[in-house]
């Protein structure tokens, strides 16, 4: 089956209460106050209150939270790799 529309990669925060992810991703960990997701060589960490998935599909996800405390996106380094500065 062919896809009618190519889905690009997108990460967006909407109204400071949800995180939308389009394109492939890997859910690493989720608790009530923390979530970690890997996407295309990056690690996305979220801390807040009442974190949960509203929608969880293979190529898209919608993560909601009552209050966002911290959002961190870092390059997901492989063992032995170093950051170039």
C-alpha atoms as a PDB file:
ATOM      1  CA  UNK A   1       0.000   0.000   0.000  1.00  0.00           C
ATOM      2  CA  UNK A   2       1.343   3.413  -0.944  1.00  0.00           C
ATOM      3  CA  UNK A   3       1.170   6.429   1.317  1.00  0.00           C
ATOM      4  CA  UNK A   4      -0.798   9.290  -0.178  1.00  0.00           C
ATOM      5  CA  UNK A   5       1.067  11.937   1.791  1.00  0.00           C
ATOM      6  CA  UNK A   6       4.645  11.844   3.022  1.00  0.00           C
ATOM      7  CA  UNK A   7       4.767  12.543   6.721  1.00  0.00           C
ATOM      8  CA  UNK A   8       7.650  14.808   7.630  1.00  0.00           C
ATOM      9  CA  UNK A   9       9.263  14.916  11.009  1.00  0.00           C
ATOM     10  CA  UNK A  10       7.663  17.351  13.464  1.00  0.00           C
ATOM     11  CA  UNK A  11       7.843  18.077  17.176  1.00  0.00           C
ATOM     12  CA  UNK A  12       5.631  20.874  18.485  1.00  0.00           C
ATOM     13  CA  UNK A  13       4.373  22.160  21.811  1.00  0.00           C
ATOM     14  CA  UNK A  14       0.805  23.389  21.767  1.00  0.00           C
ATOM     15  CA  UNK A  15      -0.556  25.818  24.357  1.00  0.00           C
ATOM     16  CA  UNK A  16       2.147  24.658  26.816  1.00  0.00           C
ATOM     17  CA  UNK A  17      -0.057  21.672  27.644  1.00  0.00           C
ATOM     18  CA  UNK A  18       0.756  19.081  24.971  1.00  0.00           C
ATOM     19  CA  UNK A  19       3.621  17.781  22.853  1.00  0.00           C
ATOM     20  CA  UNK A  20       2.840  16.543  19.336  1.00  0.00           C
ATOM     21  CA  UNK A  21       5.241  14.178  17.543  1.00  0.00           C
ATOM     22  CA  UNK A  22       4.905  13.257  13.867  1.00  0.00           C
ATOM     23  CA  UNK A  23       7.199  10.723  12.241  1.00  0.00           C
ATOM     24  CA  UNK A  24       9.009   7.771  13.763  1.00  0.00           C
ATOM     25  CA  UNK A  25       9.927   7.827  17.455  1.00  0.00           C
ATOM     26  CA  UNK A  26      10.756   5.451  20.299  1.00  0.00           C
ATOM     27  CA  UNK A  27       9.059   5.697  23.685  1.00  0.00           C
ATOM     28  CA  UNK A  28      11.771   4.947  26.261  1.00  0.00           C
ATOM     29  CA  UNK A  29      10.049   5.724  29.574  1.00  0.00           C
ATOM     30  CA  UNK A  30       6.903   7.383  30.889  1.00  0.00           C
ATOM     31  CA  UNK A  31       5.701   7.982  34.437  1.00  0.00           C
ATOM     32  CA  UNK A  32       3.197  10.437  35.912  1.00  0.00           C
ATOM     33  CA  UNK A  33       5.919  13.114  36.140  1.00  0.00           C
ATOM     34  CA  UNK A  34       8.491  12.198  33.473  1.00  0.00           C
ATOM     35  CA  UNK A  35       8.738  11.002  29.882  1.00  0.00           C
ATOM     36  CA  UNK A  36      11.692  10.151  27.643  1.00  0.00           C
ATOM     37  CA  UNK A  37      11.388   9.741  23.875  1.00  0.00           C
ATOM     38  CA  UNK A  38      14.054   9.144  21.223  1.00  0.00           C
ATOM     39  CA  UNK A  39      13.594  10.619  17.776  1.00  0.00           C
ATOM     40  CA  UNK A  40      16.054  10.708  14.870  1.00  0.00           C
ATOM     41  CA  UNK A  41      19.203  10.805  16.987  1.00  0.00           C
ATOM     42  CA  UNK A  42      17.807  13.077  19.698  1.00  0.00           C
ATOM     43  CA  UNK A  43      16.602  12.394  23.221  1.00  0.00           C
ATOM     44  CA  UNK A  44      13.520  14.356  24.374  1.00  0.00           C
ATOM     45  CA  UNK A  45      12.954  14.510  28.137  1.00  0.00           C
ATOM     46  CA  UNK A  46       9.869  16.059  29.712  1.00  0.00           C
ATOM     47  CA  UNK A  47       9.177  16.612  33.387  1.00  0.00           C
ATOM     48  CA  UNK A  48       5.898  17.959  34.707  1.00  0.00           C
ATOM     49  CA  UNK A  49       2.658  16.966  36.362  1.00  0.00           C
ATOM     50  CA  UNK A  50       0.073  14.466  35.091  1.00  0.00           C
ATOM     51  CA  UNK A  51       2.002  13.402  31.966  1.00  0.00           C
ATOM     52  CA  UNK A  52       0.069  10.944  29.782  1.00  0.00           C
ATOM     53  CA  UNK A  53      -0.476   9.973  26.149  1.00  0.00           C
ATOM     54  CA  UNK A  54      -3.722  11.044  24.522  1.00  0.00           C
ATOM     55  CA  UNK A  55      -2.768   9.331  21.268  1.00  0.00           C
ATOM     56  CA  UNK A  56      -0.064   6.728  20.675  1.00  0.00           C
ATOM     57  CA  UNK A  57       0.382   5.462  17.110  1.00  0.00           C
ATOM     58  CA  UNK A  58       3.369   4.081  15.185  1.00  0.00           C
ATOM     59  CA  UNK A  59       4.074   7.351  13.343  1.00  0.00           C
ATOM     60  CA  UNK A  60       2.488   9.958  15.627  1.00  0.00           C
ATOM     61  CA  UNK A  61       1.843  10.668  19.273  1.00  0.00           C
ATOM     62  CA  UNK A  62       0.183  13.324  21.415  1.00  0.00           C
ATOM     63  CA  UNK A  63       1.517  13.686  24.943  1.00  0.00           C
ATOM     64  CA  UNK A  64      -0.411  15.895  27.401  1.00  0.00           C
ATOM     65  CA  UNK A  65       0.523  17.368  30.762  1.00  0.00           C
ATOM     66  CA  UNK A  66      -1.136  19.618  33.313  1.00  0.00           C
ATOM     67  CA  UNK A  67       2.007  21.619  34.042  1.00  0.00           C
ATOM     68  CA  UNK A  68       5.336  21.587  32.195  1.00  0.00           C
ATOM     69  CA  UNK A  69       8.378  21.898  34.469  1.00  0.00           C
ATOM     70  CA  UNK A  70      11.175  21.157  32.004  1.00  0.00           C
ATOM     71  CA  UNK A  71      11.625  20.170  28.370  1.00  0.00           C
ATOM     72  CA  UNK A  72      15.093  19.085  27.291  1.00  0.00           C
ATOM     73  CA  UNK A  73      16.169  18.012  23.805  1.00  0.00           C
ATOM     74  CA  UNK A  74      19.716  16.701  23.504  1.00  0.00           C
ATOM     75  CA  UNK A  75      21.723  14.863  20.889  1.00  0.00           C
ATOM     76  CA  UNK A  76      21.563  11.158  21.742  1.00  0.00           C
ATOM     77  CA  UNK A  77      25.243  10.258  21.699  1.00  0.00           C
ATOM     78  CA  UNK A  78      26.349   6.693  21.103  1.00  0.00           C
ATOM     79  CA  UNK A  79      28.862   5.114  23.460  1.00  0.00           C
ATOM     80  CA  UNK A  80      32.285   6.641  22.829  1.00  0.00           C
ATOM     81  CA  UNK A  81      30.969   9.651  20.869  1.00  0.00           C
ATOM     82  CA  UNK A  82      31.697  13.161  22.072  1.00  0.00           C
ATOM     83  CA  UNK A  83      30.032  16.508  21.465  1.00  0.00           C
ATOM     84  CA  UNK A  84      31.790  18.822  19.047  1.00  0.00           C
ATOM     85  CA  UNK A  85      31.980  22.390  20.337  1.00  0.00           C
END
